[in-house]
Protein backbone atom coordinates (compact mmCIF):
# COMPACT_ATOMS: atom_id res chain seq x y z
CA MET A 1 83.35 100.41 89.23
CA ARG A 2 86.16 100.19 86.71
CA THR A 3 88.87 101.58 88.99
CA LYS A 4 88.04 99.12 91.76
CA ARG A 5 88.41 96.06 89.55
CA GLY A 6 91.37 97.60 87.75
CA ILE A 7 93.41 98.10 90.91
CA VAL A 8 93.28 94.44 91.93
CA ALA A 9 93.66 93.06 88.40
CA ILE A 10 96.64 95.25 87.59
CA ALA A 11 98.38 94.56 90.87
CA ALA A 12 97.89 90.82 90.58
CA LEU A 13 98.87 90.38 86.95
CA ALA A 14 100.91 93.24 85.55
CA PHE A 15 103.99 92.70 87.63
CA LEU A 16 104.36 89.09 86.75
CA ALA A 17 105.23 90.48 83.31
CA ALA A 18 108.06 92.70 84.57
CA GLY A 19 110.42 89.79 85.12
CA CYS A 20 111.61 89.77 81.52
CA SER A 21 108.34 88.57 80.09
CA ASP A 22 109.91 88.45 76.64
CA GLU A 23 111.45 85.12 77.63
CA LYS A 24 110.15 82.10 75.77
CA PRO A 25 109.34 78.93 77.70
CA ALA A 26 112.26 76.54 77.60
CA ALA A 27 111.89 73.35 75.62
CA ALA A 28 111.28 70.31 77.78
CA PRO A 29 114.64 68.84 78.81
CA ALA A 30 115.62 65.39 77.61
CA PRO A 31 115.19 62.69 80.25
CA SER A 32 118.31 62.22 82.33
CA SER A 33 119.41 59.83 85.00
CA THR A 34 121.25 62.69 86.75
CA PRO A 35 119.12 64.30 89.45
CA ALA A 36 118.34 67.98 89.02
CA PRO A 37 120.38 70.37 91.17
CA ALA A 38 118.68 71.19 94.45
CA SER A 39 118.14 74.80 93.36
CA LEU A 40 116.06 73.61 90.39
CA SER A 41 114.10 70.89 92.13
CA ALA A 42 113.40 72.74 95.37
CA PRO A 43 110.05 74.49 95.66
CA MET A 44 110.01 78.26 95.27
CA ALA A 45 110.49 80.28 98.43
CA GLU A 46 107.26 81.73 99.71
CA VAL A 47 106.47 85.34 98.85
CA LYS A 48 106.02 87.46 101.98
CA GLU A 49 102.41 88.33 102.67
CA PRO A 50 102.07 91.91 101.32
CA CYS A 51 99.63 92.89 104.08
CA SER A 52 102.53 92.40 106.53
CA LEU A 53 104.66 94.87 104.55
CA LEU A 54 102.32 97.88 104.59
CA SER A 55 99.62 98.89 107.05
CA GLY A 56 96.19 100.24 106.26
CA GLU A 57 97.04 103.12 108.57
CA ALA A 58 100.01 104.12 106.35
CA VAL A 59 97.83 103.96 103.22
CA GLY A 60 95.10 106.00 104.94
CA LYS A 61 97.59 108.67 105.97
CA ALA A 62 98.94 108.91 102.39
CA ILE A 63 95.48 109.38 100.87
CA SER A 64 93.83 111.23 103.78
CA VAL A 65 91.21 108.54 104.45
CA GLU A 66 90.57 107.24 107.97
CA GLY A 67 89.93 103.61 108.78
CA VAL A 68 91.68 102.01 105.80
CA THR A 69 91.75 98.24 106.18
CA SER A 70 93.64 95.51 104.33
CA LYS A 71 92.96 91.95 103.28
CA PRO A 72 94.91 89.43 101.22
CA GLY A 73 94.12 89.59 97.51
CA PRO A 74 94.71 87.14 94.68
CA SER A 75 97.99 85.29 94.12
CA GLN A 76 99.47 84.44 90.73
CA THR A 77 102.34 82.32 89.43
CA ASP A 78 103.87 82.62 85.96
CA PRO A 79 105.88 79.53 84.94
CA VAL A 80 107.52 81.39 82.03
CA ASN A 81 109.32 84.12 83.99
CA LYS A 82 109.05 82.30 87.34
CA GLY A 83 107.13 85.17 88.90
CA GLN A 84 105.23 84.35 92.08
CA SER A 85 102.98 87.22 93.18
CA LYS A 86 100.81 87.91 96.21
CA THR A 87 98.64 90.96 96.74
CA CYS A 88 97.06 92.93 99.55
CA VAL A 89 93.94 94.97 98.86
CA PHE A 90 93.29 98.18 100.83
CA SER A 91 89.76 99.53 101.39
CA GLY A 92 88.48 102.73 102.94
CA GLY A 93 85.40 104.88 102.69
CA GLY A 94 83.42 101.96 101.27
CA LYS A 95 85.69 101.33 98.27
CA GLU A 96 89.02 99.83 97.29
CA VAL A 97 91.73 102.46 97.52
CA GLY A 98 94.74 100.46 96.38
CA ALA A 99 96.60 97.20 96.20
CA LEU A 100 100.15 96.18 97.03
CA ALA A 101 101.77 93.35 95.08
CA ALA A 102 105.00 91.56 95.96
CA THR A 103 106.45 89.39 93.21
CA ARG A 104 109.52 87.14 93.51
CA TYR A 105 111.27 85.78 90.43
CA GLU A 106 112.85 82.65 91.95
CA GLY A 107 115.44 81.18 89.56
CA ASN A 108 115.21 84.15 87.17
CA LYS A 109 118.44 86.13 86.92
CA VAL A 110 116.76 89.40 85.92
CA THR A 111 118.31 92.48 87.53
CA PRO A 112 116.42 95.38 89.12
CA ALA A 113 117.58 97.64 86.27
CA GLU A 114 116.20 95.16 83.71
CA MET A 115 112.86 94.96 85.53
CA ILE A 116 112.51 98.74 85.58
CA ALA A 117 113.59 99.02 81.93
CA SER A 118 111.00 96.38 80.99
CA ILE A 119 108.22 98.36 82.66
CA LYS A 120 109.40 101.62 81.06
CA THR A 121 109.28 100.09 77.57
CA LYS A 122 105.72 98.88 78.17
CA LYS A 123 104.33 101.98 79.89
CA ALA A 124 104.51 105.27 78.00
CA GLY A 125 105.31 108.19 80.26
CA ALA A 126 106.81 106.05 83.02
CA VAL A 127 109.37 107.97 85.06
CA GLU A 128 112.10 106.65 87.33
CA VAL A 129 111.75 107.33 91.05
CA PRO A 130 114.99 107.73 93.03
CA GLY A 131 115.50 106.38 96.54
CA VAL A 132 113.09 103.44 96.45
CA GLY A 133 114.55 99.93 96.22
CA GLU A 134 117.37 99.37 93.73
CA GLY A 135 115.25 101.01 91.04
CA ALA A 136 111.69 102.28 90.84
CA VAL A 137 109.24 103.64 88.28
CA TYR A 138 105.93 105.56 88.44
CA TYR A 139 103.27 105.72 85.74
CA THR A 140 99.56 106.29 85.31
CA GLU A 141 96.83 104.71 83.24
CA PRO A 142 94.77 107.89 82.69
CA GLY A 143 91.27 107.65 84.09
CA THR A 144 91.95 104.46 86.04
CA THR A 145 95.14 103.84 88.01
CA ALA A 146 98.55 105.07 89.10
CA THR A 147 101.38 102.63 89.83
CA LEU A 148 104.71 102.84 91.59
CA ALA A 149 106.89 99.74 91.29
CA ALA A 150 110.28 99.14 92.89
CA ALA A 151 112.76 96.38 92.18
CA LYS A 152 115.27 94.89 94.60
CA ILE A 153 117.28 91.70 95.06
CA VAL A 154 116.05 90.08 98.31
CA GLY A 155 117.96 87.05 99.56
CA GLY A 156 119.48 86.60 96.09
CA VAL A 157 116.06 86.65 94.40
CA PRO A 158 114.82 89.43 92.09
CA THR A 159 111.75 90.99 93.72
CA LEU A 160 109.29 93.61 92.51
CA VAL A 161 107.01 95.47 94.93
CA SER A 162 104.29 97.68 93.50
CA TYR A 163 101.42 99.79 94.75
CA VAL A 164 98.47 100.46 92.44
CA GLY A 165 95.92 103.09 93.36
CA PRO A 166 93.53 105.57 91.74
CA ASP A 167 95.12 107.71 89.01
CA LYS A 168 94.87 110.78 91.27
CA MET A 169 97.63 109.31 93.50
CA THR A 170 100.88 111.12 92.86
CA GLN A 171 104.38 109.77 92.88
CA GLU A 172 104.95 111.68 96.13
CA MET A 173 101.97 109.93 97.77
CA MET A 174 103.03 106.46 96.61
CA ALA A 175 106.81 106.53 97.07
CA PRO A 176 106.75 106.31 100.91
CA LEU A 177 104.27 103.41 100.75
CA VAL A 178 106.37 101.37 98.33
CA LYS A 179 109.60 102.29 100.11
CA GLN A 180 108.16 101.02 103.41
CA ALA A 181 107.08 97.75 101.77
CA VAL A 182 110.40 97.25 99.94
CA ASP A 183 112.40 97.97 103.10
CA ALA A 184 110.29 95.39 105.01
CA GLN A 185 111.29 92.61 102.58
């Protein structure tokens, strides 16, 4: 089923690109005897497990499906924009009904407004959604998926939280789900 595979693939990969994916990888630095600052040499902070940010019950209520369950989905890391993403896949009625992705851009100074603007330039018809995070956008891929993504600075780190579901999901159905997940960060 195209929608089923599309939901997980889009949630896992698409939002790594929102962190100013137009950036080029930096050239390798010249060797130095000076140690790197702790902020550069320290490992990236762990992304919160998305399944802890949104319950299957909340998803089920939004889409009128009983017994929605969740399980961790794929994780991705993009060394170019420093995006570290984890996903949670929701299932109900014998099929996948959505996925939540949380992506942190540790060390990237992108702002929420820049993340939303980046998505809007890449997704025709994307519309801003007020009241979710520090900026949010909703768009559909006709015949496959609908997405609502919200950006917020969490602990000084740019973070993007997105929910991807079937294209029949409206902005009004998705906004409370993403708002709950963003607020739980």
